[in-house]
Structure formats: C-alpha cells, structure tokens
Amino acid sequence: MLKLYFMKKEMSQIALGTWAWGAGAAGGDQVFGNSTDINTLRPVFDAAMLHGLNLWDTATAYGMGASEDILGTFAKTVRRDEIFLSTKFTPQIAQMYDNSVEKMADASLKRLGTDYIDVYWIHNPMDVERWTPGLIPLLKSGKIRQVGVSNHNIEEIKRANEILKAAGDYRISAVQNHFSLLYRSSEKGGVLDYCKENGIKFWAYMVLEQGALSGKYSKENPLPAESARGQKYNPVLDKLQALTDAMKEIGSRYGISCSQVGLAWALTKGTNPIIGATKERHVVEAAGAADIRLTAEEVTRLETLADATGVDTRGEWEHTME
C-alpha cells in the first residue's frame, strides 16, 4: 500500500505550517497576534500550490479545529493526489475525544474533508505506551498513511517504533521537532543523526522562531506586544541583532532574504523545514529558498553567532532532546 501511495505527486521538501490560521484557543490570534480567515488565506494557499509547495501541516489543537477547517476548505478545491495533509493527535486535549486517538483522527478527517491523512502525528510524548497503540487501527484501516511523532527524544522514538513494529509492518516515518539556529537540541541530542541513519524524515518547526529570525523585527520594531510570541521574543530581540545581520549579509550573496537564509540553513542540515504561511510572500520566499544550500563555513558562522546569543527558545511544552 505504501509503494502505491508514493506514486502520487511528489511531496515538497518545505512544509507550510498553519498554526497561525484562524482564531480561538491556541489559535493564530492568541499565539501570533494575527487576524486571518478564509478570505485572507485563500491567496496564500493558491500561491503555495502554484509554486509546488503541496505539503501542509496542521493540528486539532490549532484553534481547536479552526486551522483544520480552513485548510480543509481549500484542500477540497484541488485533486487529492496533488496535496499532502499532515495533522496531529494532541494528548493534552484527548479528553475532548473520549481519550481516543481514532475519534480525534475521525474529527480531523471530517474537518479536512478527506478519507485519509497522509501523515498523522502524536503531538507530544505525554505517554508513549498509552497513545502510540492508538495509531495501529488507523494504519490498518487506511485512515492514515504514515505516522510521525513530535517533540519526542530518541528513546521515545525508539519505543514508539517498537510498539508499531510489534503490531505488523509499521514504523515511524517522520519526526517533527523544534529546530532552529537558536534551538538545536535535536541535533546535539542525536535525534537528527538517528533519523538520517534510519530513513526517518525530520521535520523542523519554528525554524524562524515565529518571525524572530526573519530579519523583520528588532527592538525598535517589535513583534505584536500582546501575542504569546511577542511576550517571548521581544525581550531578546536586541541579542539576536548580530545573528540576523549576518543572515542578511549571507543572503545578499545569494540574492535572498534573511528568512530565506534561515530556511536554507535548515535545508542544508537535511531537514524538512516548516514555515508559517499567512501571506503570499511567505510561500513565494520559501519556494525561492528551496534549492539553496549554504557552505560549511556559512553554517558554522551562523551557528557560532547563534550560540553566542545565549538565548534559549525551548517551548514550555518541550523537554530537551539532550
């Protein structure tokens, strides 16, 4: 079944993140300070598909279904074999779905308007033994085609794989962790190498640290003050200046922006970066960075400057990978 599945249109290496889509609990308005809806986001979706970016990532927890609803509305306008849909089971809200992985997945399928999900994730490793087995009937029924784990360390990834393999020819296909110039815990803790050695795709989220590494923001031009990201990053924007200046300088050599350098760095590290897509220019820039790889010297320079900031961007939902 998996071999036939991969005969569909090729999956783009860059994924489009939709955490900032819609409003509500843990939605775009609260976390990012954005105001988005179907009308403002439709051009973003169309531009992405036009530029070959067909891999979309969402979660039930993003706006408590609001993000999935919007993405599902757009997904219905293209052929199903032209788009890849990724969403997540979030243990923290499992009680809303009778503590059932399958019930949360069924609700996602309905909102996304599809009969299968390309990649379905366990969002957080609250209890690997409890939640991983819930993926098995979804794989057997074909409701999900691949499974991934997010925010898991090596031991948790290995244990999830053991549980899946014991039930048949199933395995973890992808890992999705926070990974950026400012937060390389998955690399330092060996997760990145483990994925490469075992044919597991590594999806890097928060590559641009919710815009803090985009080069757009500074102490003089801060992020939205009342948003969660503003409260987190505004106090340290001055510490990031030397890093973003270097990103801009390197970008000038390639004719690309600071944001594109951040993406190029993640691609050079062999990851599948996820970018937040709320404006057409976001996806156009992402497409423009897709084929750029930085030199070893450029990577070392950026990582050295990043380390020198002393800024720790680990989220409160994460545990260290080291």
C-alpha atoms as a PDB file:
ATOM      1  CA  MET A   1       0.000   0.000   0.000  1.00  0.00           C
ATOM      2  CA  LEU A   2       2.808   2.432   0.823  1.00  0.00           C
ATOM      3  CA  LYS A   3       4.524   1.861  -2.539  1.00  0.00           C
ATOM      4  CA  LEU A   4       1.354   2.707  -4.432  1.00  0.00           C
ATOM      5  CA  TYR A   5       0.791   5.716  -2.212  1.00  0.00           C
ATOM      6  CA  PHE A   6       4.133   7.265  -3.130  1.00  0.00           C
ATOM      7  CA  MET A   7       3.168   7.217  -6.818  1.00  0.00           C
ATOM      8  CA  LYS A   8       1.106  10.336  -6.140  1.00  0.00           C
ATOM      9  CA  LYS A   9       2.600  13.750  -6.846  1.00  0.00           C
ATOM     10  CA  GLU A  10       5.974  14.327  -5.193  1.00  0.00           C
ATOM     11  CA  MET A  11       5.888  15.836  -1.708  1.00  0.00           C
ATOM     12  CA  SER A  12       7.625  19.198  -1.408  1.00  0.00           C
ATOM     13  CA  GLN A  13      10.601  19.344   0.968  1.00  0.00           C
ATOM     14  CA  ILE A  14       9.292  22.515   2.610  1.00  0.00           C
ATOM     15  CA  ALA A  15       6.047  22.228   4.584  1.00  0.00           C
ATOM     16  CA  LEU A  16       3.533  25.009   5.115  1.00  0.00           C
ATOM     17  CA  GLY A  17       2.527  25.422   8.752  1.00  0.00           C
ATOM     18  CA  THR A  18      -0.972  26.583   9.646  1.00  0.00           C
ATOM     19  CA  TRP A  19      -0.713  27.158  13.398  1.00  0.00           C
ATOM     20  CA  ALA A  20      -1.445  30.831  12.758  1.00  0.00           C
ATOM     21  CA  TRP A  21      -4.602  30.097  10.734  1.00  0.00           C
ATOM     22  CA  GLY A  22      -7.922  31.005  12.339  1.00  0.00           C
ATOM     23  CA  ALA A  23      -8.742  32.072  15.861  1.00  0.00           C
ATOM     24  CA  GLY A  24      -9.587  30.524  19.200  1.00  0.00           C
ATOM     25  CA  ALA A  25      -7.756  28.615  21.913  1.00  0.00           C
ATOM     26  CA  ALA A  26      -4.087  28.157  20.897  1.00  0.00           C
ATOM     27  CA  GLY A  27      -5.003  29.803  17.599  1.00  0.00           C
ATOM     28  CA  GLY A  28      -3.366  32.427  15.429  1.00  0.00           C
ATOM     29  CA  ASP A  29      -4.860  35.419  17.188  1.00  0.00           C
ATOM     30  CA  GLN A  30      -3.663  34.357  20.640  1.00  0.00           C
ATOM     31  CA  VAL A  31      -0.269  32.898  19.775  1.00  0.00           C
ATOM     32  CA  PHE A  32       0.829  35.089  16.880  1.00  0.00           C
ATOM     33  CA  GLY A  33      -1.312  38.192  17.151  1.00  0.00           C
ATOM     34  CA  ASN A  34      -2.592  37.535  13.632  1.00  0.00           C
ATOM     35  CA  SER A  35      -6.018  38.149  12.154  1.00  0.00           C
ATOM     36  CA  THR A  36      -6.626  35.549   9.464  1.00  0.00           C
ATOM     37  CA  ASP A  37      -9.649  33.957   7.854  1.00  0.00           C
ATOM     38  CA  ILE A  38     -10.625  32.082   4.707  1.00  0.00           C
ATOM     39  CA  ASN A  39     -10.615  35.235   2.580  1.00  0.00           C
ATOM     40  CA  THR A  40      -7.134  36.387   3.619  1.00  0.00           C
ATOM     41  CA  LEU A  41      -5.630  32.902   3.466  1.00  0.00           C
ATOM     42  CA  ARG A  42      -7.014  31.693   0.147  1.00  0.00           C
ATOM     43  CA  PRO A  43      -4.373  33.597  -1.896  1.00  0.00           C
ATOM     44  CA  VAL A  44      -1.695  32.057   0.341  1.00  0.00           C
ATOM     45  CA  PHE A  45      -2.916  28.533  -0.380  1.00  0.00           C
ATOM     46  CA  ASP A  46      -3.216  29.203  -4.116  1.00  0.00           C
ATOM     47  CA  ALA A  47       0.286  30.706  -4.300  1.00  0.00           C
ATOM     48  CA  ALA A  48       1.778  27.746  -2.454  1.00  0.00           C
ATOM     49  CA  MET A  49       0.212  25.171  -4.748  1.00  0.00           C
ATOM     50  CA  LEU A  50       1.224  27.221  -7.789  1.00  0.00           C
ATOM     51  CA  HIS A  51       4.854  27.203  -6.642  1.00  0.00           C
ATOM     52  CA  GLY A  52       4.896  23.464  -5.945  1.00  0.00           C
ATOM     53  CA  LEU A  53       4.592  23.667  -2.159  1.00  0.00           C
ATOM     54  CA  ASN A  54       1.989  20.978  -1.555  1.00  0.00           C
ATOM     55  CA  LEU A  55       2.839  19.746   1.949  1.00  0.00           C
ATOM     56  CA  TRP A  56       0.561  21.205   4.655  1.00  0.00           C
ATOM     57  CA  ASP A  57       0.866  20.786   8.402  1.00  0.00           C
ATOM     58  CA  THR A  58      -1.863  21.475  10.964  1.00  0.00           C
ATOM     59  CA  ALA A  59      -3.243  20.047  14.224  1.00  0.00           C
ATOM     60  CA  THR A  60      -6.543  19.654  16.021  1.00  0.00           C
ATOM     61  CA  ALA A  61      -5.141  21.858  18.782  1.00  0.00           C
ATOM     62  CA  TYR A  62      -4.556  24.851  16.478  1.00  0.00           C
ATOM     63  CA  GLY A  63      -7.597  26.966  17.248  1.00  0.00           C
ATOM     64  CA  MET A  64      -9.322  23.772  18.415  1.00  0.00           C
ATOM     65  CA  GLY A  65     -10.092  22.727  14.859  1.00  0.00           C
ATOM     66  CA  ALA A  66     -10.190  26.195  13.257  1.00  0.00           C
ATOM     67  CA  SER A  67      -6.957  25.640  11.323  1.00  0.00           C
ATOM     68  CA  GLU A  68      -8.121  22.241  10.040  1.00  0.00           C
ATOM     69  CA  ASP A  69     -11.448  23.713   8.956  1.00  0.00           C
ATOM     70  CA  ILE A  70      -9.791  26.385   6.834  1.00  0.00           C
ATOM     71  CA  LEU A  71      -7.221  24.016   5.327  1.00  0.00           C
ATOM     72  CA  GLY A  72      -9.973  21.511   4.561  1.00  0.00           C
ATOM     73  CA  THR A  73     -11.981  24.135   2.706  1.00  0.00           C
ATOM     74  CA  PHE A  74      -9.001  24.852   0.464  1.00  0.00           C
ATOM     75  CA  ALA A  75      -7.944  21.220   0.066  1.00  0.00           C
ATOM     76  CA  LYS A  76     -11.316  20.379  -1.479  1.00  0.00           C
ATOM     77  CA  THR A  77     -10.526  22.700  -4.390  1.00  0.00           C
ATOM     78  CA  VAL A  78      -7.582  20.616  -5.641  1.00  0.00           C
ATOM     79  CA  ARG A  79      -7.167  16.968  -6.580  1.00  0.00           C
ATOM     80  CA  ARG A  80      -6.440  14.828  -3.539  1.00  0.00           C
ATOM     81  CA  ASP A  81      -3.356  13.288  -5.144  1.00  0.00           C
ATOM     82  CA  GLU A  82      -1.841  16.751  -5.582  1.00  0.00           C
ATOM     83  CA  ILE A  83      -1.775  17.679  -1.896  1.00  0.00           C
ATOM     84  CA  PHE A  84      -0.278  16.152   1.247  1.00  0.00           C
ATOM     85  CA  LEU A  85      -2.138  16.708   4.511  1.00  0.00           C
ATOM     86  CA  SER A  86      -0.481  16.376   7.905  1.00  0.00           C
ATOM     87  CA  THR A  87      -2.280  16.765  11.238  1.00  0.00           C
ATOM     88  CA  LYS A  88      -1.899  15.647  14.828  1.00  0.00           C
ATOM     89  CA  PHE A  89      -3.365  13.851  17.807  1.00  0.00           C
ATOM     90  CA  THR A  90      -2.707  16.079  20.833  1.00  0.00           C
ATOM     91  CA  PRO A  91      -2.731  14.197  24.164  1.00  0.00           C
ATOM     92  CA  GLN A  92      -3.430  17.360  26.163  1.00  0.00           C
ATOM     93  CA  ILE A  93      -6.916  17.627  24.647  1.00  0.00           C
ATOM     94  CA  ALA A  94      -7.618  13.885  24.400  1.00  0.00           C
ATOM     95  CA  GLN A  95     -10.474  14.055  26.917  1.00  0.00           C
ATOM     96  CA  MET A  96     -12.460  16.099  24.407  1.00  0.00           C
ATOM     97  CA  TYR A  97     -12.457  12.977  22.228  1.00  0.00           C
ATOM     98  CA  ASP A  98     -13.074  10.343  24.913  1.00  0.00           C
ATOM     99  CA  ASN A  99      -9.312   9.727  25.171  1.00  0.00           C
ATOM    100  CA  SER A 100      -9.455   8.050  21.756  1.00  0.00           C
ATOM    101  CA  VAL A 101      -6.772   8.566  19.116  1.00  0.00           C
ATOM    102  CA  GLU A 102      -9.207   7.310  16.480  1.00  0.00           C
ATOM    103  CA  LYS A 103     -12.006   9.686  17.468  1.00  0.00           C
ATOM    104  CA  MET A 104      -9.708  12.694  17.268  1.00  0.00           C
ATOM    105  CA  ALA A 105      -8.429  11.473  13.895  1.00  0.00           C
ATOM    106  CA  ASP A 106     -12.000  10.973  12.636  1.00  0.00           C
ATOM    107  CA  ALA A 107     -12.839  14.550  13.615  1.00  0.00           C
ATOM    108  CA  SER A 108      -9.754  15.759  11.734  1.00  0.00           C
ATOM    109  CA  LEU A 109     -10.729  13.743   8.664  1.00  0.00           C
ATOM    110  CA  LYS A 110     -14.143  15.384   8.681  1.00  0.00           C
ATOM    111  CA  ARG A 111     -12.765  18.911   9.065  1.00  0.00           C
ATOM    112  CA  LEU A 112     -10.152  18.318   6.363  1.00  0.00           C
ATOM    113  CA  GLY A 113     -12.777  16.855   4.043  1.00  0.00           C
ATOM    114  CA  THR A 114     -10.785  13.740   3.207  1.00  0.00           C
ATOM    115  CA  ASP A 115     -10.943   9.991   3.803  1.00  0.00           C
ATOM    116  CA  TYR A 116      -7.247   9.658   4.654  1.00  0.00           C
ATOM    117  CA  ILE A 117      -4.450  11.681   6.250  1.00  0.00           C
ATOM    118  CA  ASP A 118      -1.004  11.494   4.665  1.00  0.00           C
ATOM    119  CA  VAL A 119       0.963  11.917   7.904  1.00  0.00           C
ATOM    120  CA  TYR A 120      -0.636  11.660  11.351  1.00  0.00           C
ATOM    121  CA  TRP A 121       1.379  12.603  14.412  1.00  0.00           C
ATOM    122  CA  ILE A 122       1.389  12.051  18.133  1.00  0.00           C
ATOM    123  CA  HIS A 123       1.831  15.712  19.031  1.00  0.00           C
ATOM    124  CA  ASN A 124       3.594  15.353  22.401  1.00  0.00           C
ATOM    125  CA  PRO A 125       5.130  12.384  24.270  1.00  0.00           C
ATOM    126  CA  MET A 126       2.952  12.566  27.368  1.00  0.00           C
ATOM    127  CA  ASP A 127       2.632   8.775  27.482  1.00  0.00           C
ATOM    128  CA  VAL A 128       4.203   6.806  24.628  1.00  0.00           C
ATOM    129  CA  GLU A 129       2.865   3.487  25.927  1.00  0.00           C
ATOM    130  CA  ARG A 130      -0.678   4.785  26.134  1.00  0.00           C
ATOM    131  CA  TRP A 131      -1.095   6.729  22.887  1.00  0.00           C
ATOM    132  CA  THR A 132       1.126   5.034  20.295  1.00  0.00           C
ATOM    133  CA  PRO A 133      -1.049   1.869  20.068  1.00  0.00           C
ATOM    134  CA  GLY A 134      -3.965   4.061  19.025  1.00  0.00           C
ATOM    135  CA  LEU A 135      -2.243   4.641  15.688  1.00  0.00           C
ATOM    136  CA  ILE A 136      -2.351   0.971  14.725  1.00  0.00           C
ATOM    137  CA  PRO A 137      -6.059   0.610  13.830  1.00  0.00           C
ATOM    138  CA  LEU A 138      -5.818   3.850  11.853  1.00  0.00           C
ATOM    139  CA  LEU A 139      -2.944   2.415   9.808  1.00  0.00           C
ATOM    140  CA  LYS A 140      -4.756  -0.879   9.293  1.00  0.00           C
ATOM    141  CA  SER A 141      -7.911   0.860   8.088  1.00  0.00           C
ATOM    142  CA  GLY A 142      -6.038   3.205   5.754  1.00  0.00           C
ATOM    143  CA  LYS A 143      -7.319   6.321   7.500  1.00  0.00           C
ATOM    144  CA  ILE A 144      -3.689   7.382   7.902  1.00  0.00           C
ATOM    145  CA  ARG A 145      -0.872   6.542   5.501  1.00  0.00           C
ATOM    146  CA  GLN A 146       2.192   7.388   7.578  1.00  0.00           C
ATOM    147  CA  VAL A 147       2.773   8.126  11.247  1.00  0.00           C
ATOM    148  CA  GLY A 148       5.073  10.533  12.950  1.00  0.00           C
ATOM    149  CA  VAL A 149       5.973  11.642  16.449  1.00  0.00           C
ATOM    150  CA  SER A 150       6.536  15.223  17.514  1.00  0.00           C
ATOM    151  CA  ASN A 151       8.620  16.549  20.418  1.00  0.00           C
ATOM    152  CA  HIS A 152       9.916  13.043  21.141  1.00  0.00           C
ATOM    153  CA  ASN A 153      13.518  12.238  22.107  1.00  0.00           C
ATOM    154  CA  ILE A 154      15.483   9.230  20.817  1.00  0.00           C
ATOM    155  CA  GLU A 155      14.304   6.801  23.481  1.00  0.00           C
ATOM    156  CA  GLU A 156      10.670   7.790  22.943  1.00  0.00           C
ATOM    157  CA  ILE A 157      11.054   7.476  19.172  1.00  0.00           C
ATOM    158  CA  LYS A 158      12.605   4.028  19.546  1.00  0.00           C
ATOM    159  CA  ARG A 159       9.876   2.862  21.901  1.00  0.00           C
ATOM    160  CA  ALA A 160       7.117   4.132  19.618  1.00  0.00           C
ATOM    161  CA  ASN A 161       8.763   2.240  16.749  1.00  0.00           C
ATOM    162  CA  GLU A 162       8.891  -0.949  18.814  1.00  0.00           C
ATOM    163  CA  ILE A 163       5.191  -0.702  19.591  1.00  0.00           C
ATOM    164  CA  LEU A 164       4.304  -0.178  15.932  1.00  0.00           C
ATOM    165  CA  LYS A 165       6.572  -2.939  14.617  1.00  0.00           C
ATOM    166  CA  ALA A 166       5.157  -5.440  17.113  1.00  0.00           C
ATOM    167  CA  ALA A 167       1.728  -4.941  15.525  1.00  0.00           C
ATOM    168  CA  GLY A 168       2.849  -5.557  11.930  1.00  0.00           C
ATOM    169  CA  ASP A 169       4.866  -3.916   9.186  1.00  0.00           C
ATOM    170  CA  TYR A 170       4.517  -0.427  10.647  1.00  0.00           C
ATOM    171  CA  ARG A 171       7.126   2.155  11.601  1.00  0.00           C
ATOM    172  CA  ILE A 172       7.722   5.792  12.429  1.00  0.00           C
ATOM    173  CA  SER A 173       8.159   7.628   9.133  1.00  0.00           C
ATOM    174  CA  ALA A 174       8.800  11.124  10.442  1.00  0.00           C
ATOM    175  CA  VAL A 175       9.853  13.114  13.497  1.00  0.00           C
ATOM    176  CA  GLN A 176       8.754  16.715  13.963  1.00  0.00           C
ATOM    177  CA  ASN A 177      10.740  18.730  16.499  1.00  0.00           C
ATOM    178  CA  HIS A 178      11.581  22.349  17.228  1.00  0.00           C
ATOM    179  CA  PHE A 179      14.804  23.031  15.329  1.00  0.00           C
ATOM    180  CA  SER A 180      16.354  26.380  14.511  1.00  0.00           C
ATOM    181  CA  LEU A 181      19.640  28.246  14.673  1.00  0.00           C
ATOM    182  CA  LEU A 182      18.679  29.186  18.233  1.00  0.00           C
ATOM    183  CA  TYR A 183      17.491  25.719  19.275  1.00  0.00           C
ATOM    184  CA  ARG A 184      19.487  22.713  18.026  1.00  0.00           C
ATOM    185  CA  SER A 185      18.695  20.295  20.841  1.00  0.00           C
ATOM    186  CA  SER A 186      17.612  17.562  18.400  1.00  0.00           C
ATOM    187  CA  GLU A 187      20.999  17.728  16.718  1.00  0.00           C
ATOM    188  CA  LYS A 188      23.024  17.878  19.921  1.00  0.00           C
ATOM    189  CA  GLY A 189      20.992  15.019  21.394  1.00  0.00           C
ATOM    190  CA  GLY A 190      21.469  12.784  18.361  1.00  0.00           C
ATOM    191  CA  VAL A 191      17.878  12.799  17.092  1.00  0.00           C
ATOM    192  CA  LEU A 192      18.845  14.266  13.732  1.00  0.00           C
ATOM    193  CA  ASP A 193      21.539  11.651  13.132  1.00  0.00           C
ATOM    194  CA  TYR A 194      19.227   8.858  14.288  1.00  0.00           C
ATOM    195  CA  CYS A 195      16.614   9.945  11.748  1.00  0.00           C
ATOM    196  CA  LYS A 196      19.165  10.075   8.922  1.00  0.00           C
ATOM    197  CA  GLU A 197      20.523   6.634   9.812  1.00  0.00           C
ATOM    198  CA  ASN A 198      17.047   5.068   9.907  1.00  0.00           C
ATOM    199  CA  GLY A 199      15.399   6.690   6.884  1.00  0.00           C
ATOM    200  CA  ILE A 200      13.117   8.870   9.013  1.00  0.00           C
ATOM    201  CA  LYS A 201      12.273  12.341   7.744  1.00  0.00           C
ATOM    202  CA  PHE A 202      12.994  15.125  10.221  1.00  0.00           C
ATOM    203  CA  TRP A 203      10.500  17.993  10.058  1.00  0.00           C
ATOM    204  CA  ALA A 204      11.866  21.167  11.625  1.00  0.00           C
ATOM    205  CA  TYR A 205       9.294  23.509  13.127  1.00  0.00           C
ATOM    206  CA  MET A 206       9.864  27.056  14.386  1.00  0.00           C
ATOM    207  CA  VAL A 207      12.838  27.368  12.029  1.00  0.00           C
ATOM    208  CA  LEU A 208      12.403  31.156  12.034  1.00  0.00           C
ATOM    209  CA  GLU A 209      11.356  31.256  15.702  1.00  0.00           C
ATOM    210  CA  GLN A 210       7.873  32.626  14.933  1.00  0.00           C
ATOM    211  CA  GLY A 211       9.393  35.501  12.963  1.00  0.00           C
ATOM    212  CA  ALA A 212      12.148  36.491  15.411  1.00  0.00           C
ATOM    213  CA  LEU A 213      14.760  35.291  12.864  1.00  0.00           C
ATOM    214  CA  SER A 214      13.011  36.777   9.843  1.00  0.00           C
ATOM    215  CA  GLY A 215      15.004  39.997   9.985  1.00  0.00           C
ATOM    216  CA  LYS A 216      11.766  41.950  10.101  1.00  0.00           C
ATOM    217  CA  TYR A 217      11.700  42.566  13.839  1.00  0.00           C
ATOM    218  CA  SER A 218      14.031  44.463  16.163  1.00  0.00           C
ATOM    219  CA  LYS A 219      13.983  46.300  19.470  1.00  0.00           C
ATOM    220  CA  GLU A 220      12.702  49.323  17.550  1.00  0.00           C
ATOM    221  CA  ASN A 221      10.171  47.268  15.574  1.00  0.00           C
ATOM    222  CA  PRO A 222       8.977  44.512  17.957  1.00  0.00           C
ATOM    223  CA  LEU A 223       6.554  41.659  17.445  1.00  0.00           C
ATOM    224  CA  PRO A 224       2.891  42.219  18.430  1.00  0.00           C
ATOM    225  CA  ALA A 225       3.226  43.018  22.131  1.00  0.00           C
ATOM    226  CA  GLU A 226       0.119  41.217  23.389  1.00  0.00           C
ATOM    227  CA  SER A 227       0.753  37.994  21.461  1.00  0.00           C
ATOM    228  CA  ALA A 228       2.427  34.985  23.029  1.00  0.00           C
ATOM    229  CA  ARG A 229       5.323  35.250  20.588  1.00  0.00           C
ATOM    230  CA  GLY A 230       5.776  38.946  21.369  1.00  0.00           C
ATOM    231  CA  GLN A 231       5.971  38.240  25.074  1.00  0.00           C
ATOM    232  CA  LYS A 232       8.544  35.530  24.439  1.00  0.00           C
ATOM    233  CA  TYR A 233      10.828  37.114  21.852  1.00  0.00           C
ATOM    234  CA  ASN A 234      10.586  40.903  22.276  1.00  0.00           C
ATOM    235  CA  PRO A 235      12.788  40.887  25.416  1.00  0.00           C
ATOM    236  CA  VAL A 236      15.650  39.206  23.486  1.00  0.00           C
ATOM    237  CA  LEU A 237      15.443  40.845  20.046  1.00  0.00           C
ATOM    238  CA  ASP A 238      18.492  43.003  20.755  1.00  0.00           C
ATOM    239  CA  LYS A 239      20.527  39.846  21.464  1.00  0.00           C
ATOM    240  CA  LEU A 240      19.609  38.474  18.029  1.00  0.00           C
ATOM    241  CA  GLN A 241      20.783  41.500  16.063  1.00  0.00           C
ATOM    242  CA  ALA A 242      24.293  40.231  15.244  1.00  0.00           C
ATOM    243  CA  LEU A 243      22.839  36.916  14.063  1.00  0.00           C
ATOM    244  CA  THR A 244      20.147  38.418  11.849  1.00  0.00           C
ATOM    245  CA  ASP A 245      22.672  40.929  10.462  1.00  0.00           C
ATOM    246  CA  ALA A 246      24.887  38.008   9.425  1.00  0.00           C
ATOM    247  CA  MET A 247      21.896  36.214   7.921  1.00  0.00           C
ATOM    248  CA  LYS A 248      21.131  39.306   5.843  1.00  0.00           C
ATOM    249  CA  GLU A 249      24.766  39.594   4.748  1.00  0.00           C
ATOM    250  CA  ILE A 250      24.891  35.936   3.667  1.00  0.00           C
ATOM    251  CA  GLY A 251      21.541  36.364   1.958  1.00  0.00           C
ATOM    252  CA  SER A 252      22.890  39.235  -0.121  1.00  0.00           C
ATOM    253  CA  ARG A 253      25.411  36.825  -1.682  1.00  0.00           C
ATOM    254  CA  TYR A 254      22.617  34.592  -2.899  1.00  0.00           C
ATOM    255  CA  GLY A 255      20.103  37.329  -3.636  1.00  0.00           C
ATOM    256  CA  ILE A 256      17.763  36.096  -0.897  1.00  0.00           C
ATOM    257  CA  SER A 257      16.255  37.489   2.305  1.00  0.00           C
ATOM    258  CA  CYS A 258      17.093  36.857   5.951  1.00  0.00           C
ATOM    259  CA  SER A 259      14.100  34.482   6.224  1.00  0.00           C
ATOM    260  CA  GLN A 260      15.264  32.540   3.193  1.00  0.00           C
ATOM    261  CA  VAL A 261      18.708  32.122   4.757  1.00  0.00           C
ATOM    262  CA  GLY A 262      17.030  30.565   7.807  1.00  0.00           C
ATOM    263  CA  LEU A 263      15.225  28.127   5.536  1.00  0.00           C
ATOM    264  CA  ALA A 264      18.365  27.428   3.507  1.00  0.00           C
ATOM    265  CA  TRP A 265      20.221  26.632   6.745  1.00  0.00           C
ATOM    266  CA  ALA A 266      17.529  24.100   7.732  1.00  0.00           C
ATOM    267  CA  LEU A 267      17.607  22.534   4.256  1.00  0.00           C
ATOM    268  CA  THR A 268      21.410  22.362   4.361  1.00  0.00           C
ATOM    269  CA  LYS A 269      21.073  20.399   7.634  1.00  0.00           C
ATOM    270  CA  GLY A 270      18.969  17.808   5.780  1.00  0.00           C
ATOM    271  CA  THR A 271      15.615  18.646   7.365  1.00  0.00           C
ATOM    272  CA  ASN A 272      12.132  19.350   6.058  1.00  0.00           C
ATOM    273  CA  PRO A 273      11.518  22.871   7.394  1.00  0.00           C
ATOM    274  CA  ILE A 274       8.017  24.056   8.225  1.00  0.00           C
ATOM    275  CA  ILE A 275       7.268  27.717   7.642  1.00  0.00           C
ATOM    276  CA  GLY A 276       4.279  29.614   8.934  1.00  0.00           C
ATOM    277  CA  ALA A 277       2.255  30.717   5.918  1.00  0.00           C
ATOM    278  CA  THR A 278      -0.055  33.693   6.414  1.00  0.00           C
ATOM    279  CA  LYS A 279       0.951  35.863   3.453  1.00  0.00           C
ATOM    280  CA  GLU A 280       1.644  35.179  -0.219  1.00  0.00           C
ATOM    281  CA  ARG A 281       5.196  36.468   0.114  1.00  0.00           C
ATOM    282  CA  HIS A 282       5.898  33.797   2.739  1.00  0.00           C
ATOM    283  CA  VAL A 283       5.315  30.976   0.285  1.00  0.00           C
ATOM    284  CA  VAL A 284       6.976  32.751  -2.635  1.00  0.00           C
ATOM    285  CA  GLU A 285      10.088  33.272  -0.488  1.00  0.00           C
ATOM    286  CA  ALA A 286      10.006  29.649   0.640  1.00  0.00           C
ATOM    287  CA  ALA A 287       9.870  28.437  -2.946  1.00  0.00           C
ATOM    288  CA  GLY A 288      12.811  30.707  -3.754  1.00  0.00           C
ATOM    289  CA  ALA A 289      14.906  29.144  -0.998  1.00  0.00           C
ATOM    290  CA  ALA A 290      14.076  25.534  -1.849  1.00  0.00           C
ATOM    291  CA  ASP A 291      17.205  24.851  -3.913  1.00  0.00           C
ATOM    292  CA  ILE A 292      19.722  26.921  -1.936  1.00  0.00           C
ATOM    293  CA  ARG A 293      22.299  25.216   0.269  1.00  0.00           C
ATOM    294  CA  LEU A 294      24.779  27.124   2.393  1.00  0.00           C
ATOM    295  CA  THR A 295      28.502  26.384   2.585  1.00  0.00           C
ATOM    296  CA  ALA A 296      30.003  24.673   5.620  1.00  0.00           C
ATOM    297  CA  GLU A 297      31.721  27.948   6.537  1.00  0.00           C
ATOM    298  CA  GLU A 298      28.424  29.853   6.406  1.00  0.00           C
ATOM    299  CA  VAL A 299      26.689  27.244   8.552  1.00  0.00           C
ATOM    300  CA  THR A 300      29.478  27.359  11.142  1.00  0.00           C
ATOM    301  CA  ARG A 301      29.433  31.150  11.250  1.00  0.00           C
ATOM    302  CA  LEU A 302      25.679  31.319  11.787  1.00  0.00           C
ATOM    303  CA  GLU A 303      25.677  28.611  14.447  1.00  0.00           C
ATOM    304  CA  THR A 304      28.548  30.274  16.299  1.00  0.00           C
ATOM    305  CA  LEU A 305      26.682  33.595  16.343  1.00  0.00           C
ATOM    306  CA  ALA A 306      23.501  31.810  17.428  1.00  0.00           C
ATOM    307  CA  ASP A 307      25.291  30.143  20.333  1.00  0.00           C
ATOM    308  CA  ALA A 308      26.766  33.491  21.351  1.00  0.00           C
ATOM    309  CA  THR A 309      23.286  34.982  21.861  1.00  0.00           C
ATOM    310  CA  GLY A 310      22.743  32.804  24.934  1.00  0.00           C
ATOM    311  CA  VAL A 311      19.039  32.746  24.052  1.00  0.00           C
ATOM    312  CA  ASP A 312      17.097  29.572  24.892  1.00  0.00           C
ATOM    313  CA  THR A 313      13.866  29.282  22.913  1.00  0.00           C
ATOM    314  CA  ARG A 314      12.668  25.899  24.162  1.00  0.00           C
ATOM    315  CA  GLY A 315       8.889  25.914  24.438  1.00  0.00           C
ATOM    316  CA  GLU A 316       7.113  25.133  27.683  1.00  0.00           C
ATOM    317  CA  TRP A 317       5.600  22.059  26.007  1.00  0.00           C
ATOM    318  CA  GLU A 318       9.038  20.615  25.125  1.00  0.00           C
ATOM    319  CA  HIS A 319      11.572  18.583  27.014  1.00  0.00           C
ATOM    320  CA  THR A 320      15.209  18.762  25.983  1.00  0.00           C
ATOM    321  CA  MET A 321      16.500  16.201  23.482  1.00  0.00           C
ATOM    322  CA  GLU A 322      19.952  16.118  25.065  1.00  0.00           C
END
